Protein backbone atom coordinates (compact mmCIF):
# COMPACT_ATOMS: atom_id res chain seq x y z
CA MET A 1 -62.79 166.78 -199.59
CA THR A 2 -60.29 164.15 -198.45
CA GLN A 3 -58.93 166.50 -195.79
CA ILE A 4 -62.41 167.22 -194.46
CA LEU A 5 -63.09 163.50 -194.18
CA SER A 6 -59.71 162.97 -192.50
CA PHE A 7 -60.48 165.74 -190.02
CA LEU A 8 -63.91 164.27 -189.26
CA LEU A 9 -62.30 160.85 -188.79
CA VAL A 10 -59.84 162.28 -186.27
CA VAL A 11 -62.60 164.12 -184.37
CA SER A 12 -64.89 161.08 -184.28
CA SER A 13 -62.00 158.81 -183.22
CA ALA A 14 -61.13 161.17 -180.37
CA PHE A 15 -64.79 161.25 -179.30
CA MET A 16 -65.03 157.44 -179.40
CA MET A 17 -61.81 157.13 -177.40
CA TRP A 18 -63.15 159.58 -174.78
CA LYS A 19 -66.40 157.61 -174.48
CA THR A 20 -64.51 154.29 -174.28
CA ILE A 21 -62.33 155.62 -171.47
CA GLY A 22 -65.49 156.88 -169.75
CA LEU A 23 -67.08 153.43 -169.97
CA ALA A 24 -63.92 151.71 -168.73
CA THR A 25 -63.60 154.06 -165.74
CA ASN A 26 -67.36 154.24 -165.08
CA THR A 27 -67.41 158.05 -165.19
CA ALA A 28 -68.58 160.61 -167.74
CA THR A 29 -65.51 162.79 -167.11
CA PRO A 30 -62.45 160.53 -166.85
CA ILE A 31 -59.92 163.39 -167.02
CA VAL A 32 -59.99 166.83 -165.34
CA VAL A 33 -57.49 169.65 -164.83
CA VAL A 34 -56.95 171.20 -161.38
CA LEU A 35 -57.82 174.89 -161.73
CA SER A 36 -57.18 176.22 -158.22
CA GLU A 37 -54.83 175.80 -155.25
CA SER A 38 -57.56 174.39 -152.98
CA MET A 39 -56.04 170.88 -152.99
CA SER A 40 -52.42 171.93 -152.45
CA PRO A 41 -50.11 170.22 -151.54
CA ALA A 42 -51.77 167.00 -152.79
CA PHE A 43 -52.45 168.50 -156.22
CA GLU A 44 -51.30 171.77 -157.71
CA ARG A 45 -52.93 174.05 -160.22
CA GLY A 46 -52.40 172.59 -163.68
CA ASP A 47 -52.20 168.93 -162.66
CA ILE A 48 -54.18 166.52 -164.83
CA LEU A 49 -56.26 164.08 -162.78
CA PHE A 50 -57.47 160.68 -163.95
CA LEU A 51 -60.81 159.65 -162.47
CA SER A 52 -62.69 156.42 -162.02
CA MET A 53 -65.74 155.22 -160.16
CA ALA A 54 -64.74 151.64 -159.47
CA ASN A 55 -67.28 149.47 -157.71
CA ARG A 56 -66.00 150.10 -154.23
CA PRO A 57 -67.65 152.31 -151.65
CA LEU A 58 -66.52 155.88 -151.12
CA GLU A 59 -64.26 156.17 -148.09
CA HIS A 60 -63.12 158.93 -145.76
CA GLY A 61 -60.03 160.52 -147.30
CA ASP A 62 -60.88 159.73 -150.93
CA ILE A 63 -60.26 162.64 -153.28
CA VAL A 64 -63.42 163.04 -155.31
CA VAL A 65 -64.70 165.24 -158.10
CA PHE A 66 -68.21 166.59 -157.82
CA GLU A 67 -70.48 168.92 -159.72
CA LEU A 68 -72.95 171.37 -158.26
CA LYS A 69 -76.00 172.82 -159.94
CA GLY A 70 -75.13 176.24 -161.36
CA LYS A 71 -71.37 175.61 -161.36
CA ASP A 72 -69.75 175.10 -164.76
CA ILE A 73 -66.54 173.58 -163.44
CA PRO A 74 -66.19 170.30 -161.50
CA ILE A 75 -64.66 170.63 -158.02
CA VAL A 76 -61.84 168.39 -156.74
CA HIS A 77 -61.83 167.99 -152.94
CA ARG A 78 -61.22 165.40 -150.24
CA LEU A 79 -64.09 163.42 -148.71
CA MET A 80 -64.20 164.36 -145.01
CA ARG A 81 -67.40 162.76 -143.72
CA ILE A 82 -69.86 160.13 -144.89
CA HIS A 83 -73.39 160.15 -143.53
CA GLN A 84 -75.89 157.34 -143.98
CA LYS A 85 -79.15 157.21 -142.07
CA SER A 86 -80.03 153.86 -140.58
CA ASN A 87 -82.55 151.90 -142.66
CA SER A 88 -81.62 153.98 -145.71
CA THR A 89 -79.49 153.48 -148.78
CA THR A 90 -79.13 157.24 -149.23
CA LEU A 91 -75.51 158.29 -148.79
CA THR A 92 -74.54 161.91 -148.20
CA ILE A 93 -71.01 163.24 -147.95
CA LEU A 94 -69.07 166.30 -146.85
CA THR A 95 -65.94 167.46 -148.67
CA LYS A 96 -63.15 169.98 -148.08
CA GLY A 97 -60.18 171.26 -150.03
CA ASP A 98 -56.88 170.37 -148.32
CA ASN A 99 -55.75 173.99 -148.56
CA ASN A 100 -59.08 175.42 -147.34
CA SER A 101 -59.78 176.32 -143.71
CA VAL A 102 -63.46 175.28 -143.77
CA ASP A 103 -65.51 172.49 -145.34
CA ASP A 104 -67.49 172.92 -148.56
CA ARG A 105 -70.92 173.64 -147.09
CA VAL A 106 -70.57 177.24 -148.31
CA LEU A 107 -70.13 175.93 -151.86
CA TYR A 108 -73.11 173.61 -151.50
CA ARG A 109 -75.29 176.49 -150.28
CA GLU A 110 -74.34 178.60 -153.30
CA ALA A 111 -76.06 175.93 -155.40
CA VAL A 112 -78.97 175.28 -153.01
CA PRO A 113 -79.38 177.58 -149.96
CA SER A 114 -80.39 174.83 -147.51
CA LYS A 115 -77.84 172.25 -148.72
CA ASN A 116 -75.40 170.87 -146.12
CA TRP A 117 -74.34 167.59 -147.73
CA LEU A 118 -73.54 166.28 -151.20
CA LYS A 119 -75.57 163.43 -152.58
CA ARG A 120 -73.70 160.41 -153.91
CA LYS A 121 -75.00 161.07 -157.44
CA GLU A 122 -73.24 164.47 -157.48
CA VAL A 123 -69.84 162.74 -157.21
CA THR A 124 -68.62 162.16 -160.75
CA GLY A 125 -65.35 160.44 -160.00
CA ARG A 126 -62.60 159.47 -157.59
CA VAL A 127 -58.98 160.40 -158.35
CA SER A 128 -56.99 157.34 -159.40
CA GLY A 129 -53.85 159.02 -160.78
CA TYR A 130 -52.38 162.29 -162.00
CA LEU A 131 -49.79 163.97 -164.21
CA PRO A 132 -48.26 167.10 -162.69
CA TYR A 133 -48.54 170.45 -164.48
CA LEU A 134 -49.52 169.14 -167.95
CA GLY A 135 -52.91 170.80 -167.64
CA TYR A 136 -51.37 174.27 -167.76
CA ILE A 137 -51.85 174.22 -171.53
CA THR A 138 -55.62 174.10 -170.98
CA ILE A 139 -55.46 176.80 -168.31
CA LEU A 140 -53.38 179.10 -170.52
CA MET A 141 -55.76 178.69 -173.44
CA ASN A 142 -58.85 179.34 -171.30
CA GLU A 143 -57.46 182.30 -169.39
CA ASN A 144 -55.71 183.95 -172.35
CA PRO A 145 -57.79 183.93 -175.54
CA LYS A 146 -54.79 185.23 -177.51
CA VAL A 147 -52.87 182.05 -176.66
CA LYS A 148 -55.84 179.95 -177.80
CA TYR A 149 -56.00 181.78 -181.13
CA LEU A 150 -52.22 181.49 -181.53
CA VAL A 151 -52.37 177.71 -181.02
CA ILE A 152 -55.25 177.43 -183.51
CA ALA A 153 -53.32 179.56 -186.02
CA ILE A 154 -50.20 177.39 -185.65
CA ILE A 155 -52.23 174.21 -186.16
CA ALA A 156 -53.93 175.72 -189.22
CA PHE A 157 -50.56 176.85 -190.59
CA PHE A 158 -49.10 173.35 -190.31
CA ALA A 159 -52.25 171.83 -191.83
CA ILE A 160 -51.97 174.16 -194.83
CA LEU A 161 -48.23 173.52 -195.09
CA LYS A 162 -48.82 169.77 -195.11
CA ARG A 163 -51.53 170.15 -197.73
CA GLU A 164 -49.17 172.07 -200.04
CA GLN A 165 -46.51 169.37 -199.65
CA GLU A 166 -48.92 166.68 -200.82
């Protein structure tokens, strides 16, 4: 019973830490892993990105993370254009991956056929820092279920081993 409570304490502490970081950075997803080569050479596959949405306006050249309806994975691309109609507070933006030959309108249209611009509310964060290649652990576990099960088995083995030592 003690181990179950300890496990629940660890899980709840991790959740609280995640939410605290989210509040401090003003974003629901403060950390993401780069999954493709679309932002090379700025970021490579496997880099861990730290996000924030500080109270400063989005600017041309910012690297932002956005989510599209129907896409499970957030997209990390550079802000190329900002569009704001006169007499309006509505801000729309256009993004593009550094390693892509065209802008992201094709991606937008996969979500909504007539969509040409992102809305500001679809941007979930702006990149504020990164750690190179540390996200490969996540990529390996997601792309190779055997690796995921091996990691879980190793963790379980050490948990049982520790329990027997107590």
